[in-house]
C-alpha atoms as a PDB file:
ATOM      1  CA  MET A   1      19.209  -1.914  13.646  1.00  0.00           C
ATOM      2  CA  THR A   2      20.694  -4.639  11.525  1.00  0.00           C
ATOM      3  CA  GLN A   3      19.831  -4.939   7.856  1.00  0.00           C
ATOM      4  CA  LEU A   4      18.150  -8.303   8.443  1.00  0.00           C
ATOM      5  CA  ARG A   5      15.965  -6.843  11.189  1.00  0.00           C
ATOM      6  CA  THR A   6      15.074  -3.890   8.963  1.00  0.00           C
ATOM      7  CA  ILE A   7      14.109  -6.198   6.080  1.00  0.00           C
ATOM      8  CA  THR A   8      12.092  -8.390   8.434  1.00  0.00           C
ATOM      9  CA  THR A   9      10.284  -5.377   9.873  1.00  0.00           C
ATOM     10  CA  VAL A  10       9.438  -3.948   6.433  1.00  0.00           C
ATOM     11  CA  LEU A  11       8.145  -7.347   5.233  1.00  0.00           C
ATOM     12  CA  THR A  12       6.164  -7.843   8.444  1.00  0.00           C
ATOM     13  CA  ALA A  13       4.652  -4.384   8.016  1.00  0.00           C
ATOM     14  CA  GLY A  14       3.749  -5.230   4.417  1.00  0.00           C
ATOM     15  CA  ALA A  15       2.195  -8.539   5.456  1.00  0.00           C
ATOM     16  CA  PHE A  16       0.009  -7.072   8.190  1.00  0.00           C
ATOM     17  CA  ALA A  17      -0.934  -4.084   6.029  1.00  0.00           C
ATOM     18  CA  THR A  18      -1.951  -6.389   3.163  1.00  0.00           C
ATOM     19  CA  LEU A  19      -4.004  -8.472   5.582  1.00  0.00           C
ATOM     20  CA  ALA A  20      -5.719  -5.294   6.846  1.00  0.00           C
ATOM     21  CA  PHE A  21      -6.362  -4.087   3.266  1.00  0.00           C
ATOM     22  CA  ASP A  22      -7.824  -7.413   2.148  1.00  0.00           C
ATOM     23  CA  THR A  23      -9.888  -7.900   5.308  1.00  0.00           C
ATOM     24  CA  PHE A  24     -11.333  -4.412   5.006  1.00  0.00           C
ATOM     25  CA  GLY A  25     -11.916  -4.478   1.255  1.00  0.00           C
ATOM     26  CA  GLN A  26     -13.153  -8.024   0.844  1.00  0.00           C
ATOM     27  CA  ALA A  27     -14.939  -8.697   4.126  1.00  0.00           C
ATOM     28  CA  ILE A  28     -15.701  -5.676   6.308  1.00  0.00           C
ATOM     29  CA  SER A  29     -16.770  -3.312   3.530  1.00  0.00           C
ATOM     30  CA  PRO A  30     -19.274  -5.787   1.993  1.00  0.00           C
ATOM     31  CA  LEU A  31     -20.570  -6.691   5.465  1.00  0.00           C
ATOM     32  CA  LEU A  32     -21.350  -3.000   5.962  1.00  0.00           C
ATOM     33  CA  GLY A  33     -23.157  -2.841   2.623  1.00  0.00           C
ATOM     34  CA  TYR A  34     -20.387  -1.246   0.596  1.00  0.00           C
ATOM     35  CA  SER A  35     -18.454  -2.475  -2.425  1.00  0.00           C
ATOM     36  CA  LYS A  36     -16.096  -5.419  -2.322  1.00  0.00           C
ATOM     37  CA  LEU A  37     -12.565  -4.859  -3.595  1.00  0.00           C
ATOM     38  CA  ALA A  38     -11.129  -7.170  -6.241  1.00  0.00           C
ATOM     39  CA  PRO A  39      -7.372  -6.520  -6.170  1.00  0.00           C
ATOM     40  CA  VAL A  40      -6.591  -9.926  -7.658  1.00  0.00           C
ATOM     41  CA  GLY A  41      -8.934  -9.160 -10.554  1.00  0.00           C
ATOM     42  CA  LEU A  42      -7.103  -5.899 -11.213  1.00  0.00           C
ATOM     43  CA  ALA A  43      -3.762  -7.696 -10.985  1.00  0.00           C
ATOM     44  CA  GLY A  44      -5.008 -10.277 -13.487  1.00  0.00           C
ATOM     45  CA  ALA A  45      -6.226  -7.609 -15.916  1.00  0.00           C
ATOM     46  CA  THR A  46      -2.877  -5.859 -15.612  1.00  0.00           C
ATOM     47  CA  LEU A  47      -0.954  -9.062 -16.325  1.00  0.00           C
ATOM     48  CA  LYS A  48      -3.183  -9.787 -19.315  1.00  0.00           C
ATOM     49  CA  THR A  49      -2.643  -6.291 -20.720  1.00  0.00           C
ATOM     50  CA  VAL A  50       1.104  -6.169 -20.152  1.00  0.00           C
ATOM     51  CA  PHE A  51       2.065  -9.759 -20.974  1.00  0.00           C
ATOM     52  CA  GLY A  52      -0.907 -10.981 -22.998  1.00  0.00           C
ATOM     53  CA  ALA A  53      -1.603 -13.744 -20.478  1.00  0.00           C
ATOM     54  CA  ASN A  54      -2.642 -14.266 -16.879  1.00  0.00           C
ATOM     55  CA  PRO A  55      -1.316 -17.673 -15.813  1.00  0.00           C
ATOM     56  CA  SER A  56      -3.110 -19.427 -12.972  1.00  0.00           C
ATOM     57  CA  GLY A  57      -1.980 -17.998  -9.642  1.00  0.00           C
ATOM     58  CA  ALA A  58       0.017 -15.129 -11.149  1.00  0.00           C
ATOM     59  CA  ALA A  59      -2.535 -12.459 -10.235  1.00  0.00           C
ATOM     60  CA  HIS A  60      -2.620 -13.642  -6.609  1.00  0.00           C
ATOM     61  CA  LEU A  61       1.168 -13.614  -6.513  1.00  0.00           C
ATOM     62  CA  LEU A  62       1.314 -10.106  -7.990  1.00  0.00           C
ATOM     63  CA  HIS A  63      -1.214  -8.815  -5.447  1.00  0.00           C
ATOM     64  CA  VAL A  64       0.614 -10.377  -2.509  1.00  0.00           C
ATOM     65  CA  MET A  65       4.052  -9.229  -3.677  1.00  0.00           C
ATOM     66  CA  THR A  66       2.759  -5.705  -4.258  1.00  0.00           C
ATOM     67  CA  GLY A  67       1.450  -5.468  -0.692  1.00  0.00           C
ATOM     68  CA  LEU A  68       4.140  -7.483   1.017  1.00  0.00           C
ATOM     69  CA  VAL A  69       7.125  -5.879  -0.699  1.00  0.00           C
ATOM     70  CA  PHE A  70       6.586  -3.025  -3.139  1.00  0.00           C
ATOM     71  CA  TYR A  71       4.133  -0.808  -1.265  1.00  0.00           C
ATOM     72  CA  ALA A  72       5.937  -1.373   2.060  1.00  0.00           C
ATOM     73  CA  VAL A  73       9.330  -0.582   0.551  1.00  0.00           C
ATOM     74  CA  GLY A  74       7.780   2.532  -0.998  1.00  0.00           C
ATOM     75  CA  TYR A  75       6.937   3.917   2.424  1.00  0.00           C
ATOM     76  CA  PHE A  76      10.273   2.887   3.902  1.00  0.00           C
ATOM     77  CA  ALA A  77      12.531   4.037   1.073  1.00  0.00           C
ATOM     78  CA  ILE A  78      10.608   6.906  -0.535  1.00  0.00           C
ATOM     79  CA  ALA A  79       7.660   8.400   1.352  1.00  0.00           C
ATOM     80  CA  ARG A  80       9.146   8.707   4.838  1.00  0.00           C
ATOM     81  CA  PRO A  81      12.671   9.787   3.784  1.00  0.00           C
ATOM     82  CA  VAL A  82      11.283  12.446   1.405  1.00  0.00           C
ATOM     83  CA  GLN A  83       8.912  13.708   4.092  1.00  0.00           C
ATOM     84  CA  ARG A  84      11.733  13.903   6.617  1.00  0.00           C
ATOM     85  CA  ALA A  85      13.911  15.828   4.170  1.00  0.00           C
ATOM     86  CA  VAL A  86      11.150  18.318   3.341  1.00  0.00           C
ATOM     87  CA  LEU A  87       9.085  18.516   6.553  1.00  0.00           C
ATOM     88  CA  PRO A  88      11.137  16.797   9.280  1.00  0.00           C
ATOM     89  CA  ARG A  89       8.741  17.616  12.129  1.00  0.00           C
ATOM     90  CA  LEU A  90       5.644  16.251  10.406  1.00  0.00           C
ATOM     91  CA  HIS A  91       4.166  13.285  12.255  1.00  0.00           C
ATOM     92  CA  TRP A  92       4.478   9.924  10.517  1.00  0.00           C
ATOM     93  CA  SER A  93       0.687   9.481  10.486  1.00  0.00           C
ATOM     94  CA  VAL A  94       0.277  12.420   8.104  1.00  0.00           C
ATOM     95  CA  THR A  95       2.901  10.919   5.827  1.00  0.00           C
ATOM     96  CA  ALA A  96       1.081   7.584   5.983  1.00  0.00           C
ATOM     97  CA  ALA A  97      -2.243   9.188   5.035  1.00  0.00           C
ATOM     98  CA  VAL A  98      -0.699  11.008   2.078  1.00  0.00           C
ATOM     99  CA  TYR A  99       1.128   7.843   1.049  1.00  0.00           C
ATOM    100  CA  GLY A 100      -2.151   5.891   1.182  1.00  0.00           C
ATOM    101  CA  VAL A 101      -3.780   8.412  -1.151  1.00  0.00           C
ATOM    102  CA  ALA A 102      -0.758   8.161  -3.463  1.00  0.00           C
ATOM    103  CA  LEU A 103      -1.120   4.353  -3.510  1.00  0.00           C
ATOM    104  CA  TRP A 104      -4.806   4.782  -4.376  1.00  0.00           C
ATOM    105  CA  VAL A 105      -3.921   7.058  -7.298  1.00  0.00           C
ATOM    106  CA  LEU A 106      -1.261   4.592  -8.430  1.00  0.00           C
ATOM    107  CA  ALA A 107      -3.672   1.646  -8.243  1.00  0.00           C
ATOM    108  CA  LEU A 108      -6.859   3.211  -9.610  1.00  0.00           C
ATOM    109  CA  TYR A 109      -5.500   5.704 -12.104  1.00  0.00           C
ATOM    110  CA  VAL A 110      -2.101   4.464 -13.238  1.00  0.00           C
ATOM    111  CA  VAL A 111      -2.638   0.698 -13.052  1.00  0.00           C
ATOM    112  CA  ALA A 112      -6.415   0.338 -13.515  1.00  0.00           C
ATOM    113  CA  HIS A 113      -6.770   3.091 -16.119  1.00  0.00           C
ATOM    114  CA  LEU A 114      -3.476   3.728 -17.890  1.00  0.00           C
ATOM    115  CA  VAL A 115      -2.266   0.122 -17.853  1.00  0.00           C
ATOM    116  CA  ALA A 116      -5.380  -2.075 -17.707  1.00  0.00           C
ATOM    117  CA  GLY A 117      -7.660   0.237 -19.716  1.00  0.00           C
ATOM    118  CA  ASN A 118     -10.500   0.733 -17.217  1.00  0.00           C
ATOM    119  CA  LYS A 119     -12.202   4.065 -16.603  1.00  0.00           C
ATOM    120  CA  PRO A 120     -10.108   6.474 -14.496  1.00  0.00           C
ATOM    121  CA  PHE A 121     -10.597   5.588 -10.828  1.00  0.00           C
ATOM    122  CA  LEU A 122     -12.956   2.855 -12.020  1.00  0.00           C
ATOM    123  CA  GLY A 123     -15.590   5.468 -12.838  1.00  0.00           C
ATOM    124  CA  PHE A 124     -15.817   6.864  -9.300  1.00  0.00           C
ATOM    125  CA  THR A 125     -18.206   4.125  -8.213  1.00  0.00           C
ATOM    126  CA  GLY A 126     -18.512   2.575  -4.764  1.00  0.00           C
ATOM    127  CA  ILE A 127     -15.368   0.511  -5.267  1.00  0.00           C
ATOM    128  CA  THR A 128     -13.391   3.729  -5.764  1.00  0.00           C
ATOM    129  CA  TRP A 129     -14.066   4.950  -2.247  1.00  0.00           C
ATOM    130  CA  VAL A 130     -13.580   1.562  -0.611  1.00  0.00           C
ATOM    131  CA  ALA A 131     -10.240   1.380  -2.400  1.00  0.00           C
ATOM    132  CA  LEU A 132      -9.300   4.830  -1.099  1.00  0.00           C
ATOM    133  CA  TRP A 133      -9.975   3.840   2.513  1.00  0.00           C
ATOM    134  CA  GLY A 134      -8.309   0.481   1.957  1.00  0.00           C
ATOM    135  CA  HIS A 135      -5.102   2.045   0.660  1.00  0.00           C
ATOM    136  CA  VAL A 136      -5.021   4.600   3.473  1.00  0.00           C
ATOM    137  CA  LEU A 137      -5.591   1.786   5.994  1.00  0.00           C
ATOM    138  CA  TYR A 138      -2.775  -0.190   4.357  1.00  0.00           C
ATOM    139  CA  ALA A 139      -0.413   2.784   4.681  1.00  0.00           C
ATOM    140  CA  PHE A 140      -1.324   3.407   8.337  1.00  0.00           C
ATOM    141  CA  VAL A 141      -0.786  -0.223   9.327  1.00  0.00           C
ATOM    142  CA  ALA A 142       2.522  -0.512   7.454  1.00  0.00           C
ATOM    143  CA  ALA A 143       3.805   2.832   8.747  1.00  0.00           C
ATOM    144  CA  TYR A 144       2.751   2.115  12.321  1.00  0.00           C
ATOM    145  CA  ILE A 145       4.653  -1.177  12.374  1.00  0.00           C
ATOM    146  CA  MET A 146       7.766   0.291  10.787  1.00  0.00           C
ATOM    147  CA  GLU A 147       7.715   3.275  13.127  1.00  0.00           C
ATOM    148  CA  ALA A 148       7.011   1.185  16.232  1.00  0.00           C
ATOM    149  CA  LYS A 149       9.763  -1.296  15.421  1.00  0.00           C
ATOM    150  CA  GLY A 150      12.293   1.424  14.593  1.00  0.00           C
ATOM    151  CA  ALA A 151      12.835   0.319  11.001  1.00  0.00           C
ATOM    152  CA  LEU A 152      13.466   3.917  10.011  1.00  0.00           C
ATOM    153  CA  LEU A 153      16.097   4.660  12.661  1.00  0.00           C
ATOM    154  CA  ASP A 154      19.035   4.137  10.329  1.00  0.00           C
ATOM    155  CA  LEU A 155      17.797   6.452   7.612  1.00  0.00           C
ATOM    156  CA  PRO A 156      19.494   9.852   7.163  1.00  0.00           C
ATOM    157  CA  GLY A 157      17.894  12.665   9.130  1.00  0.00           C
ATOM    158  CA  ARG A 158      16.531  10.344  11.816  1.00  0.00           C
ATOM    159  CA  MET A 159      16.997  12.011  15.187  1.00  0.00           C
ATOM    160  CA  LYS A 160      14.872   9.951  17.586  1.00  0.00           C
ATOM    161  CA  PRO A 161      12.232   7.200  17.468  1.00  0.00           C
ATOM    162  CA  ALA A 162       8.832   8.257  16.203  1.00  0.00           C
ATOM    163  CA  THR A 163       6.089   9.085  18.644  1.00  0.00           C
ATOM    164  CA  ILE A 164       3.340   6.534  18.184  1.00  0.00           C
END
């Protein structure tokens, strides 16, 4: 797989996963009577804390870039290679689930609490659990696309395409 195709696949995975996360957290969850996620609000609070300002549009850009690039690259470059080095026969879906939980901890403990100053895991309210499922959904969608498109074929330890 060429580098350009790999980059395109990872970005496509990030885009679809972000769309799934936002659709679930901001539309489906409230339609079912559960909390509505506010990832742009958290991004804005983080920008305000770190830089002292939240310019118009910056929080949206941070949210989109996090989903499109950073979280997707995290699965591609960290989660899956580490899993393959430690437990090479483990199915990618297990790695995706664990990665989704790790993203949830990163977002709701590290960013929301340690950086933005909110209660840990936003006080374990309804939004906490919607965020957990949203981050796991994100990880599954991103991982599925990367695995299906063979984006991880060129990584060390890769023997054959993943079983989807």
